[in-house]
Every structure is written in C-alpha cells, then in structure tokens.
C-alpha atoms as a PDB file:
ATOM      1  CA  MET A   1      24.262   7.897 -30.589  1.00  0.00           C
ATOM      2  CA  LEU A   2      22.107  10.122 -28.420  1.00  0.00           C
ATOM      3  CA  LEU A   3      18.689   8.566 -27.803  1.00  0.00           C
ATOM      4  CA  ILE A   4      15.724  10.577 -26.535  1.00  0.00           C
ATOM      5  CA  LYS A   5      13.522   8.416 -24.343  1.00  0.00           C
ATOM      6  CA  SER A   6       9.812   8.552 -25.040  1.00  0.00           C
ATOM      7  CA  ASP A   7       7.015   9.417 -22.624  1.00  0.00           C
ATOM      8  CA  ALA A   8       3.218   9.403 -22.451  1.00  0.00           C
ATOM      9  CA  ASN A   9       2.924  12.693 -24.397  1.00  0.00           C
ATOM     10  CA  ALA A  10       5.153  11.509 -27.247  1.00  0.00           C
ATOM     11  CA  GLU A  11       3.295   8.194 -27.352  1.00  0.00           C
ATOM     12  CA  ALA A  12      -0.012  10.082 -27.522  1.00  0.00           C
ATOM     13  CA  GLY A  13       1.277  12.009 -30.542  1.00  0.00           C
ATOM     14  CA  VAL A  14       1.504  15.341 -28.687  1.00  0.00           C
ATOM     15  CA  MET A  15       3.682  17.636 -30.759  1.00  0.00           C
ATOM     16  CA  PRO A  16       6.533  19.525 -29.103  1.00  0.00           C
ATOM     17  CA  SER A  17       6.011  23.224 -28.495  1.00  0.00           C
ATOM     18  CA  PRO A  18       7.197  25.688 -31.159  1.00  0.00           C
ATOM     19  CA  GLU A  19       9.771  26.876 -28.617  1.00  0.00           C
ATOM     20  CA  LEU A  20      11.173  23.373 -28.196  1.00  0.00           C
ATOM     21  CA  ILE A  21      11.237  22.840 -31.968  1.00  0.00           C
ATOM     22  CA  ASP A  22      13.150  26.132 -32.323  1.00  0.00           C
ATOM     23  CA  ALA A  23      15.597  25.174 -29.562  1.00  0.00           C
ATOM     24  CA  MET A  24      16.155  21.741 -31.137  1.00  0.00           C
ATOM     25  CA  GLY A  25      16.770  23.390 -34.520  1.00  0.00           C
ATOM     26  CA  LYS A  26      19.409  25.661 -32.978  1.00  0.00           C
ATOM     27  CA  TYR A  27      21.005  22.677 -31.237  1.00  0.00           C
ATOM     28  CA  ASN A  28      21.104  20.761 -34.536  1.00  0.00           C
ATOM     29  CA  GLU A  29      22.730  23.794 -36.199  1.00  0.00           C
ATOM     30  CA  GLU A  30      25.438  23.726 -33.499  1.00  0.00           C
ATOM     31  CA  LEU A  31      26.053  20.040 -34.200  1.00  0.00           C
ATOM     32  CA  VAL A  32      26.312  20.713 -37.950  1.00  0.00           C
ATOM     33  CA  LYS A  33      28.646  23.705 -37.488  1.00  0.00           C
ATOM     34  CA  ALA A  34      30.864  21.593 -35.225  1.00  0.00           C
ATOM     35  CA  GLY A  35      30.992  18.922 -37.956  1.00  0.00           C
ATOM     36  CA  VAL A  36      29.780  16.123 -35.672  1.00  0.00           C
ATOM     37  CA  LEU A  37      26.193  15.472 -36.828  1.00  0.00           C
ATOM     38  CA  LEU A  38      25.717  12.381 -39.005  1.00  0.00           C
ATOM     39  CA  ALA A  39      21.927  11.949 -38.643  1.00  0.00           C
ATOM     40  CA  ALA A  40      19.043  13.147 -36.484  1.00  0.00           C
ATOM     41  CA  GLU A  41      15.386  12.170 -36.524  1.00  0.00           C
ATOM     42  CA  GLY A  42      12.298  12.071 -34.351  1.00  0.00           C
ATOM     43  CA  LEU A  43      10.179   8.934 -34.283  1.00  0.00           C
ATOM     44  CA  GLN A  44       6.415   8.611 -34.634  1.00  0.00           C
ATOM     45  CA  PRO A  45       4.510   7.113 -31.666  1.00  0.00           C
ATOM     46  CA  SER A  46       4.727   3.332 -31.245  1.00  0.00           C
ATOM     47  CA  SER A  47       1.023   3.125 -32.174  1.00  0.00           C
ATOM     48  CA  LYS A  48       2.196   3.630 -35.753  1.00  0.00           C
ATOM     49  CA  GLY A  49       4.880   0.949 -35.428  1.00  0.00           C
ATOM     50  CA  ALA A  50       5.295  -2.764 -34.930  1.00  0.00           C
ATOM     51  CA  LYS A  51       7.708  -5.229 -33.357  1.00  0.00           C
ATOM     52  CA  VAL A  52       9.003  -8.389 -35.016  1.00  0.00           C
ATOM     53  CA  HIS A  53       9.622 -11.197 -32.512  1.00  0.00           C
ATOM     54  CA  TYR A  54      12.068 -14.025 -33.294  1.00  0.00           C
ATOM     55  CA  SER A  55      11.589 -17.236 -31.337  1.00  0.00           C
ATOM     56  CA  GLY A  56      12.290 -20.856 -32.193  1.00  0.00           C
ATOM     57  CA  GLY A  57      12.742 -20.094 -35.879  1.00  0.00           C
ATOM     58  CA  LYS A  58       9.371 -18.320 -36.037  1.00  0.00           C
ATOM     59  CA  ARG A  59       8.757 -14.656 -36.703  1.00  0.00           C
ATOM     60  CA  THR A  60       5.660 -12.913 -35.439  1.00  0.00           C
ATOM     61  CA  VAL A  61       4.595  -9.299 -35.766  1.00  0.00           C
ATOM     62  CA  THR A  62       2.975  -7.308 -32.976  1.00  0.00           C
ATOM     63  CA  ASP A  63       1.468  -3.951 -33.867  1.00  0.00           C
ATOM     64  CA  GLY A  64       1.930  -0.999 -31.500  1.00  0.00           C
ATOM     65  CA  PRO A  65       1.256   0.733 -29.266  1.00  0.00           C
ATOM     66  CA  PHE A  66       3.672  -0.691 -26.723  1.00  0.00           C
ATOM     67  CA  ALA A  67       3.069  -0.574 -22.984  1.00  0.00           C
ATOM     68  CA  GLU A  68       6.118   1.047 -21.389  1.00  0.00           C
ATOM     69  CA  ALA A  69       6.573   4.485 -22.969  1.00  0.00           C
ATOM     70  CA  LYS A  70       9.647   5.185 -20.831  1.00  0.00           C
ATOM     71  CA  GLU A  71      11.372   2.176 -22.413  1.00  0.00           C
ATOM     72  CA  LEU A  72      10.757   3.462 -25.949  1.00  0.00           C
ATOM     73  CA  ILE A  73      12.812   5.846 -28.067  1.00  0.00           C
ATOM     74  CA  ALA A  74      11.253   9.105 -29.312  1.00  0.00           C
ATOM     75  CA  GLY A  75      14.180  10.268 -31.436  1.00  0.00           C
ATOM     76  CA  PHE A  76      17.920  10.190 -31.930  1.00  0.00           C
ATOM     77  CA  TRP A  77      21.075  11.923 -33.059  1.00  0.00           C
ATOM     78  CA  ILE A  78      24.028  10.053 -34.495  1.00  0.00           C
ATOM     79  CA  ILE A  79      27.129  12.113 -33.877  1.00  0.00           C
ATOM     80  CA  GLN A  80      30.796  11.486 -34.517  1.00  0.00           C
ATOM     81  CA  ALA A  81      32.534  12.246 -31.239  1.00  0.00           C
ATOM     82  CA  LYS A  82      36.170  11.643 -30.393  1.00  0.00           C
ATOM     83  CA  SER A  83      35.330  10.206 -26.982  1.00  0.00           C
ATOM     84  CA  LYS A  84      32.522   9.262 -24.626  1.00  0.00           C
ATOM     85  CA  GLU A  85      33.236  12.491 -22.754  1.00  0.00           C
ATOM     86  CA  GLU A  86      32.693  14.578 -25.904  1.00  0.00           C
ATOM     87  CA  ALA A  87      29.436  12.711 -26.629  1.00  0.00           C
ATOM     88  CA  LEU A  88      28.299  13.416 -23.061  1.00  0.00           C
ATOM     89  CA  GLU A  89      29.151  17.111 -23.493  1.00  0.00           C
ATOM     90  CA  TRP A  90      26.813  17.215 -26.505  1.00  0.00           C
ATOM     91  CA  ALA A  91      24.122  15.254 -24.633  1.00  0.00           C
ATOM     92  CA  LEU A  92      24.272  17.732 -21.759  1.00  0.00           C
ATOM     93  CA  ARG A  93      23.490  20.517 -24.240  1.00  0.00           C
ATOM     94  CA  VAL A  94      20.270  18.939 -25.627  1.00  0.00           C
ATOM     95  CA  PRO A  95      17.568  21.569 -24.988  1.00  0.00           C
ATOM     96  CA  LEU A  96      15.237  19.405 -22.917  1.00  0.00           C
ATOM     97  CA  GLU A  97      14.012  20.153 -19.428  1.00  0.00           C
ATOM     98  CA  ALA A  98      11.960  18.143 -16.996  1.00  0.00           C
ATOM     99  CA  GLY A  99       8.458  19.541 -17.261  1.00  0.00           C
ATOM    100  CA  ASP A 100       8.669  20.249 -21.024  1.00  0.00           C
ATOM    101  CA  PRO A 101       5.546  19.187 -22.913  1.00  0.00           C
ATOM    102  CA  GLN A 102       7.590  16.216 -24.145  1.00  0.00           C
ATOM    103  CA  SER A 103       8.254  15.037 -20.581  1.00  0.00           C
ATOM    104  CA  SER A 104       4.772  14.248 -19.260  1.00  0.00           C
ATOM    105  CA  ASP A 105       6.105  12.430 -16.223  1.00  0.00           C
ATOM    106  CA  GLY A 106       8.406  15.325 -15.281  1.00  0.00           C
ATOM    107  CA  VAL A 107      11.508  13.499 -16.483  1.00  0.00           C
ATOM    108  CA  ALA A 108      13.450  14.023 -19.687  1.00  0.00           C
ATOM    109  CA  GLU A 109      16.201  11.542 -20.510  1.00  0.00           C
ATOM    110  CA  ILE A 110      18.922  11.148 -23.134  1.00  0.00           C
ATOM    111  CA  GLU A 111      20.759   7.834 -23.391  1.00  0.00           C
ATOM    112  CA  VAL A 112      24.292   7.909 -24.840  1.00  0.00           C
ATOM    113  CA  ARG A 113      25.477   4.759 -26.647  1.00  0.00           C
ATOM    114  CA  GLN A 114      28.486   3.986 -28.819  1.00  0.00           C
ATOM    115  CA  VAL A 115      27.806   2.577 -32.284  1.00  0.00           C
ATOM    116  CA  PHE A 116      29.941  -0.384 -33.350  1.00  0.00           C
ATOM    117  CA  ASP A 117      32.595   0.239 -35.995  1.00  0.00           C
ATOM    118  CA  ILE A 118      34.060  -2.469 -38.228  1.00  0.00           C
ATOM    119  CA  SER A 119      37.350  -2.115 -36.338  1.00  0.00           C
ATOM    120  CA  ASP A 120      35.581  -3.138 -33.098  1.00  0.00           C
ATOM    121  CA  PHE A 121      35.200  -6.730 -34.343  1.00  0.00           C
ATOM    122  CA  PRO A 122      38.123  -9.179 -34.097  1.00  0.00           C
ATOM    123  CA  GLU A 123      38.984 -11.234 -37.204  1.00  0.00           C
ATOM    124  CA  ASP A 124      37.606 -14.429 -35.638  1.00  0.00           C
ATOM    125  CA  VAL A 125      34.190 -12.721 -35.538  1.00  0.00           C
ATOM    126  CA  LEU A 126      34.375 -10.603 -38.708  1.00  0.00           C
ATOM    127  CA  SER A 127      36.741 -11.959 -41.367  1.00  0.00           C
ATOM    128  CA  PRO A 128      38.728  -9.528 -43.534  1.00  0.00           C
ATOM    129  CA  GLU A 129      36.492 -10.502 -46.458  1.00  0.00           C
ATOM    130  CA  ALA A 130      33.317  -9.814 -44.479  1.00  0.00           C
ATOM    131  CA  ALA A 131      34.814  -6.513 -43.236  1.00  0.00           C
ATOM    132  CA  ALA A 132      35.582  -5.485 -46.833  1.00  0.00           C
ATOM    133  CA  ARG A 133      32.021  -6.396 -47.881  1.00  0.00           C
ATOM    134  CA  GLU A 134      30.615  -4.351 -44.980  1.00  0.00           C
ATOM    135  CA  GLU A 135      32.813  -1.377 -45.884  1.00  0.00           C
ATOM    136  CA  ALA A 136      31.645  -1.586 -49.520  1.00  0.00           C
ATOM    137  CA  LEU A 137      28.037  -1.538 -48.330  1.00  0.00           C
ATOM    138  CA  ARG A 138      28.692   1.530 -46.162  1.00  0.00           C
ATOM    139  CA  LEU A 139      30.282   3.336 -49.109  1.00  0.00           C
ATOM    140  CA  GLN A 140      27.252   2.474 -51.263  1.00  0.00           C
ATOM    141  CA  VAL A 141      24.921   3.859 -48.578  1.00  0.00           C
ATOM    142  CA  GLU A 142      26.904   7.126 -48.599  1.00  0.00           C
ATOM    143  CA  LYS A 143      26.668   7.279 -52.417  1.00  0.00           C
ATOM    144  CA  ASN A 144      22.923   6.603 -52.267  1.00  0.00           C
ATOM    145  CA  ALA A 145      22.477   9.370 -49.702  1.00  0.00           C
ATOM    146  CA  ALA A 146      24.426  11.753 -51.942  1.00  0.00           C
ATOM    147  CA  GLY A 147      22.159  10.837 -54.873  1.00  0.00           C
ATOM    148  CA  GLN A 148      24.948   9.258 -56.926  1.00  0.00           C
END
C-alpha cells in the first residue's frame, strides 16, 4: 500500500492543481497498464471524518478535524507488487514534488506498507477454518465489486 501523507492544504480542503490531477491520472494509467493497481482513492479532510476510540470496553467517537495533519493520510494506492523493492519503484514514480500545492509545508511524503495476506498468519493465530472463512469473504467482496 502506498499512503500519501496529508498536510495543511489537504486538511483545509484545498484541491490539487489541474496539472497534478492530470499527472496522477497518467500515473494511475501506468499502474493499470502494468497490472498492479488494485485500488486508489483520495480522502476527504479529517474535518469530515471521525475517530472511534476503544478503551476499557467503552467506545467513544471524536469528530474531526484532527490536530497533526502530517500524521494523517490524504490518499492511497493498493498495488500488487512482487517485492518491497518493486513497491518502492512505484512509490518513487508518484508525481509529487515538495512545493506542490498539496505540500504546504514544502514536504511531500509517500509511506510504503505491506498488507497482510492470509498466508502471513500461522495456524495457531488463524485456524484453517478461520482462514477458509476469510478467503470466502474476500471472494464475496470481489463478486460484489464485479456486480455479481
């Protein structure tokens, strides 16, 4: 997963420039043509969101906005890469530059993280039955996305 860190502009709802939107569209086309893109979305500012806190069996909701913009996520790509190195190659090609309208503090940042797969969990953590149930759910999600 490639995560775009947020900043003050994104949190203020400042839209990216048409040039950046165009560059991102071309980048997404490259990901699709390469067959690696699984999902990609931008996120609305945290002022339109909320956090659910879990503590001592209680759940509380805190509405946004949230204080530290640089700790928030502004968008993401989920790609299927063969290795961390391949994921980093794609991250290095994201068309962001320090100083872009979406980097109000002069810094643009992409975080690269690996998503867990069912095979990453040992049987003492995820039983074969639970793994089969999880796989069935994933297949249903794919069917739902395909409109079946």
